[in-house]
Amino acid sequence: MARPIAETPILTGEDAARFERLRHEVENLTKEQRAENSKKLREAVSKAKEYITICI
């Protein structure tokens, strides 16, 4: 059976301020910055795959 999904906690204080600040930073990225971030992420994932082995 599926487990119930817990409620999402409400952010307060410094956590809420940090979340809001990061949200605005992401909204203000240019297409070039987004492309560069995607490229860096793909490279990091490729590098991580060299160290990860999944056994099923």
PDB file of N, CA and C in Angstrom:
ATOM      1  N   MET A   1       0.820  -1.182   0.000  1.00  0.00           N
ATOM      2  CA  MET A   1       0.000   0.000   0.000  1.00  0.00           C
ATOM      3  C   MET A   1       0.867   1.251   0.000  1.00  0.00           C
ATOM      4  N   ALA A   2       0.331   2.295  -0.497  1.00  0.00           N
ATOM      5  CA  ALA A   2       1.043   3.575  -0.535  1.00  0.00           C
ATOM      6  C   ALA A   2       1.027   4.233   0.832  1.00  0.00           C
ATOM      7  N   ARG A   3       2.111   4.924   1.129  1.00  0.00           N
ATOM      8  CA  ARG A   3       2.175   5.669   2.384  1.00  0.00           C
ATOM      9  C   ARG A   3       1.540   7.039   2.180  1.00  0.00           C
ATOM     10  N   PRO A   4       0.904   7.570   3.210  1.00  0.00           N
ATOM     11  CA  PRO A   4       0.332   8.914   3.084  1.00  0.00           C
ATOM     12  C   PRO A   4       1.439   9.947   2.936  1.00  0.00           C
ATOM     13  N   ILE A   5       1.151  10.984   2.208  1.00  0.00           N
ATOM     14  CA  ILE A   5       2.107  12.061   1.994  1.00  0.00           C
ATOM     15  C   ILE A   5       2.005  13.041   3.153  1.00  0.00           C
ATOM     16  N   ALA A   6       3.152  13.344   3.761  1.00  0.00           N
ATOM     17  CA  ALA A   6       3.168  14.274   4.891  1.00  0.00           C
ATOM     18  C   ALA A   6       2.937  15.693   4.401  1.00  0.00           C
ATOM     19  N   GLU A   7       2.420  16.530   5.281  1.00  0.00           N
ATOM     20  CA  GLU A   7       2.190  17.923   4.925  1.00  0.00           C
ATOM     21  C   GLU A   7       3.515  18.625   4.699  1.00  0.00           C
ATOM     22  N   THR A   8       3.517  19.588   3.785  1.00  0.00           N
ATOM     23  CA  THR A   8       4.708  20.387   3.533  1.00  0.00           C
ATOM     24  C   THR A   8       4.882  21.369   4.677  1.00  0.00           C
ATOM     25  N   PRO A   9       6.084  21.400   5.275  1.00  0.00           N
ATOM     26  CA  PRO A   9       6.282  22.328   6.392  1.00  0.00           C
ATOM     27  C   PRO A   9       6.252  23.784   5.923  1.00  0.00           C
ATOM     28  N   ILE A  10       5.833  24.671   6.795  1.00  0.00           N
ATOM     29  CA  ILE A  10       5.781  26.096   6.493  1.00  0.00           C
ATOM     30  C   ILE A  10       7.126  26.712   6.856  1.00  0.00           C
ATOM     31  N   LEU A  11       7.718  27.438   5.914  1.00  0.00           N
ATOM     32  CA  LEU A  11       9.004  28.080   6.170  1.00  0.00           C
ATOM     33  C   LEU A  11       8.791  29.369   6.951  1.00  0.00           C
ATOM     34  N   THR A  12       9.652  29.578   7.927  1.00  0.00           N
ATOM     35  CA  THR A  12       9.585  30.799   8.724  1.00  0.00           C
ATOM     36  C   THR A  12      10.995  31.318   8.959  1.00  0.00           C
ATOM     37  N   GLY A  13      11.108  32.561   9.350  1.00  0.00           N
ATOM     38  CA  GLY A  13      12.387  33.139   9.743  1.00  0.00           C
ATOM     39  C   GLY A  13      13.404  33.172   8.618  1.00  0.00           C
ATOM     40  N   GLU A  14      14.644  32.809   8.949  1.00  0.00           N
ATOM     41  CA  GLU A  14      15.756  32.853   7.990  1.00  0.00           C
ATOM     42  C   GLU A  14      15.526  31.897   6.825  1.00  0.00           C
ATOM     43  N   ASP A  15      14.919  30.734   7.074  1.00  0.00           N
ATOM     44  CA  ASP A  15      14.637  29.791   5.988  1.00  0.00           C
ATOM     45  C   ASP A  15      13.716  30.415   4.941  1.00  0.00           C
ATOM     46  N   ALA A  16      12.684  31.122   5.403  1.00  0.00           N
ATOM     47  CA  ALA A  16      11.749  31.766   4.479  1.00  0.00           C
ATOM     48  C   ALA A  16      12.438  32.873   3.698  1.00  0.00           C
ATOM     49  N   ALA A  17      13.274  33.650   4.362  1.00  0.00           N
ATOM     50  CA  ALA A  17      13.990  34.742   3.690  1.00  0.00           C
ATOM     51  C   ALA A  17      14.951  34.193   2.645  1.00  0.00           C
ATOM     52  N   ARG A  18      15.668  33.112   2.985  1.00  0.00           N
ATOM     53  CA  ARG A  18      16.607  32.501   2.041  1.00  0.00           C
ATOM     54  C   ARG A  18      15.860  31.933   0.840  1.00  0.00           C
ATOM     55  N   PHE A  19      14.737  31.269   1.076  1.00  0.00           N
ATOM     56  CA  PHE A  19      13.940  30.711  -0.014  1.00  0.00           C
ATOM     57  C   PHE A  19      13.481  31.819  -0.960  1.00  0.00           C
ATOM     58  N   GLU A  20      12.992  32.909  -0.411  1.00  0.00           N
ATOM     59  CA  GLU A  20      12.501  34.025  -1.229  1.00  0.00           C
ATOM     60  C   GLU A  20      13.643  34.651  -2.036  1.00  0.00           C
ATOM     61  N   ARG A  21      14.804  34.822  -1.408  1.00  0.00           N
ATOM     62  CA  ARG A  21      15.964  35.394  -2.097  1.00  0.00           C
ATOM     63  C   ARG A  21      16.400  34.501  -3.261  1.00  0.00           C
ATOM     64  N   LEU A  22      16.473  33.192  -3.026  1.00  0.00           N
ATOM     65  CA  LEU A  22      16.885  32.258  -4.079  1.00  0.00           C
ATOM     66  C   LEU A  22      15.845  32.193  -5.197  1.00  0.00           C
ATOM     67  N   ARG A  23      14.579  32.315  -4.836  1.00  0.00           N
ATOM     68  CA  ARG A  23      13.513  32.285  -5.846  1.00  0.00           C
ATOM     69  C   ARG A  23      13.670  33.465  -6.806  1.00  0.00           C
ATOM     70  N   HIS A  24      13.980  34.629  -6.279  1.00  0.00           N
ATOM     71  CA  HIS A  24      14.163  35.809  -7.128  1.00  0.00           C
ATOM     72  C   HIS A  24      15.411  35.686  -8.000  1.00  0.00           C
ATOM     73  N   GLU A  25      16.461  35.084  -7.459  1.00  0.00           N
ATOM     74  CA  GLU A  25      17.688  34.900  -8.236  1.00  0.00           C
ATOM     75  C   GLU A  25      17.429  34.003  -9.443  1.00  0.00           C
ATOM     76  N   VAL A  26      16.672  32.945  -9.257  1.00  0.00           N
ATOM     77  CA  VAL A  26      16.381  32.018 -10.349  1.00  0.00           C
ATOM     78  C   VAL A  26      15.517  32.692 -11.408  1.00  0.00           C
ATOM     79  N   GLU A  27      14.555  33.505 -10.987  1.00  0.00           N
ATOM     80  CA  GLU A  27      13.671  34.171 -11.940  1.00  0.00           C
ATOM     81  C   GLU A  27      14.420  35.173 -12.807  1.00  0.00           C
ATOM     82  N   ASN A  28      15.546  35.699 -12.325  1.00  0.00           N
ATOM     83  CA  ASN A  28      16.270  36.735 -13.039  1.00  0.00           C
ATOM     84  C   ASN A  28      17.399  36.203 -13.919  1.00  0.00           C
ATOM     85  N   LEU A  29      17.524  34.894 -14.070  1.00  0.00           N
ATOM     86  CA  LEU A  29      18.586  34.337 -14.899  1.00  0.00           C
ATOM     87  C   LEU A  29      18.295  34.556 -16.380  1.00  0.00           C
ATOM     88  N   THR A  30      19.350  34.833 -17.142  1.00  0.00           N
ATOM     89  CA  THR A  30      19.204  34.956 -18.592  1.00  0.00           C
ATOM     90  C   THR A  30      19.201  33.560 -19.210  1.00  0.00           C
ATOM     91  N   LYS A  31      18.854  33.477 -20.475  1.00  0.00           N
ATOM     92  CA  LYS A  31      18.864  32.180 -21.165  1.00  0.00           C
ATOM     93  C   LYS A  31      20.269  31.589 -21.175  1.00  0.00           C
ATOM     94  N   GLU A  32      21.281  32.456 -21.322  1.00  0.00           N
ATOM     95  CA  GLU A  32      22.667  31.985 -21.339  1.00  0.00           C
ATOM     96  C   GLU A  32      23.063  31.412 -19.977  1.00  0.00           C
ATOM     97  N   GLN A  33      22.634  32.085 -18.903  1.00  0.00           N
ATOM     98  CA  GLN A  33      22.944  31.598 -17.566  1.00  0.00           C
ATOM     99  C   GLN A  33      22.246  30.267 -17.298  1.00  0.00           C
ATOM    100  N   ARG A  34      21.013  30.153 -17.749  1.00  0.00           N
ATOM    101  CA  ARG A  34      20.285  28.885 -17.572  1.00  0.00           C
ATOM    102  C   ARG A  34      20.967  27.766 -18.354  1.00  0.00           C
ATOM    103  N   ALA A  35      21.407  28.065 -19.569  1.00  0.00           N
ATOM    104  CA  ALA A  35      22.094  27.059 -20.385  1.00  0.00           C
ATOM    105  C   ALA A  35      23.397  26.634 -19.713  1.00  0.00           C
ATOM    106  N   GLU A  36      24.141  27.588 -19.173  1.00  0.00           N
ATOM    107  CA  GLU A  36      25.397  27.276 -18.480  1.00  0.00           C
ATOM    108  C   GLU A  36      25.131  26.423 -17.243  1.00  0.00           C
ATOM    109  N   ASN A  37      24.087  26.752 -16.486  1.00  0.00           N
ATOM    110  CA  ASN A  37      23.735  25.945 -15.317  1.00  0.00           C
ATOM    111  C   ASN A  37      23.358  24.524 -15.723  1.00  0.00           C
ATOM    112  N   SER A  38      22.612  24.382 -16.810  1.00  0.00           N
ATOM    113  CA  SER A  38      22.221  23.057 -17.289  1.00  0.00           C
ATOM    114  C   SER A  38      23.446  22.256 -17.710  1.00  0.00           C
ATOM    115  N   LYS A  39      24.370  22.919 -18.388  1.00  0.00           N
ATOM    116  CA  LYS A  39      25.599  22.254 -18.833  1.00  0.00           C
ATOM    117  C   LYS A  39      26.401  21.763 -17.629  1.00  0.00           C
ATOM    118  N   LYS A  40      26.551  22.620 -16.612  1.00  0.00           N
ATOM    119  CA  LYS A  40      27.293  22.237 -15.411  1.00  0.00           C
ATOM    120  C   LYS A  40      26.619  21.066 -14.698  1.00  0.00           C
ATOM    121  N   LEU A  41      25.281  21.082 -14.658  1.00  0.00           N
ATOM    122  CA  LEU A  41      24.545  20.001 -14.010  1.00  0.00           C
ATOM    123  C   LEU A  41      24.751  18.687 -14.755  1.00  0.00           C
ATOM    124  N   ARG A  42      24.646  18.731 -16.093  1.00  0.00           N
ATOM    125  CA  ARG A  42      24.866  17.511 -16.880  1.00  0.00           C
ATOM    126  C   ARG A  42      26.267  16.951 -16.659  1.00  0.00           C
ATOM    127  N   GLU A  43      27.272  17.829 -16.601  1.00  0.00           N
ATOM    128  CA  GLU A  43      28.647  17.392 -16.358  1.00  0.00           C
ATOM    129  C   GLU A  43      28.785  16.764 -14.972  1.00  0.00           C
ATOM    130  N   ALA A  44      28.170  17.369 -13.976  1.00  0.00           N
ATOM    131  CA  ALA A  44      28.238  16.840 -12.615  1.00  0.00           C
ATOM    132  C   ALA A  44      27.562  15.478 -12.519  1.00  0.00           C
ATOM    133  N   VAL A  45      26.437  15.325 -13.203  1.00  0.00           N
ATOM    134  CA  VAL A  45      25.726  14.037 -13.185  1.00  0.00           C
ATOM    135  C   VAL A  45      26.566  12.973 -13.891  1.00  0.00           C
ATOM    136  N   SER A  46      27.171  13.326 -15.007  1.00  0.00           N
ATOM    137  CA  SER A  46      28.021  12.373 -15.727  1.00  0.00           C
ATOM    138  C   SER A  46      29.187  11.927 -14.860  1.00  0.00           C
ATOM    139  N   LYS A  47      29.794  12.877 -14.159  1.00  0.00           N
ATOM    140  CA  LYS A  47      30.920  12.562 -13.279  1.00  0.00           C
ATOM    141  C   LYS A  47      30.461  11.661 -12.131  1.00  0.00           C
ATOM    142  N   ALA A  48      29.294  11.951 -11.569  1.00  0.00           N
ATOM    143  CA  ALA A  48      28.774  11.157 -10.460  1.00  0.00           C
ATOM    144  C   ALA A  48      28.461   9.731 -10.904  1.00  0.00           C
ATOM    145  N   LYS A  49      28.010   9.572 -12.147  1.00  0.00           N
ATOM    146  CA  LYS A  49      27.671   8.237 -12.653  1.00  0.00           C
ATOM    147  C   LYS A  49      28.886   7.324 -12.690  1.00  0.00           C
ATOM    148  N   GLU A  50      30.085   7.910 -12.789  1.00  0.00           N
ATOM    149  CA  GLU A  50      31.306   7.099 -12.806  1.00  0.00           C
ATOM    150  C   GLU A  50      31.517   6.408 -11.466  1.00  0.00           C
ATOM    151  N   TYR A  51      30.987   6.991 -10.394  1.00  0.00           N
ATOM    152  CA  TYR A  51      31.195   6.458  -9.052  1.00  0.00           C
ATOM    153  C   TYR A  51      30.018   5.659  -8.516  1.00  0.00           C
ATOM    154  N   ILE A  52      28.901   5.712  -9.208  1.00  0.00           N
ATOM    155  CA  ILE A  52      27.674   5.080  -8.701  1.00  0.00           C
ATOM    156  C   ILE A  52      27.395   3.788  -9.456  1.00  0.00           C
ATOM    157  N   THR A  53      27.151   2.729  -8.713  1.00  0.00           N
ATOM    158  CA  THR A  53      26.746   1.463  -9.298  1.00  0.00           C
ATOM    159  C   THR A  53      25.408   1.064  -8.690  1.00  0.00           C
ATOM    160  N   ILE A  54      24.442   0.786  -9.526  1.00  0.00           N
ATOM    161  CA  ILE A  54      23.113   0.394  -9.053  1.00  0.00           C
ATOM    162  C   ILE A  54      22.941  -1.089  -9.324  1.00  0.00           C
ATOM    163  N   CYS A  55      22.701  -1.843  -8.272  1.00  0.00           N
ATOM    164  CA  CYS A  55      22.487  -3.275  -8.377  1.00  0.00           C
ATOM    165  C   CYS A  55      21.039  -3.585  -8.007  1.00  0.00           C
ATOM    166  N   ILE A  56      20.342  -4.212  -8.924  1.00  0.00           N
ATOM    167  CA  ILE A  56      18.947  -4.550  -8.651  1.00  0.00           C
ATOM    168  C   ILE A  56      18.809  -6.048  -8.541  1.00  0.00           C
TER     169      ILE A  56
END
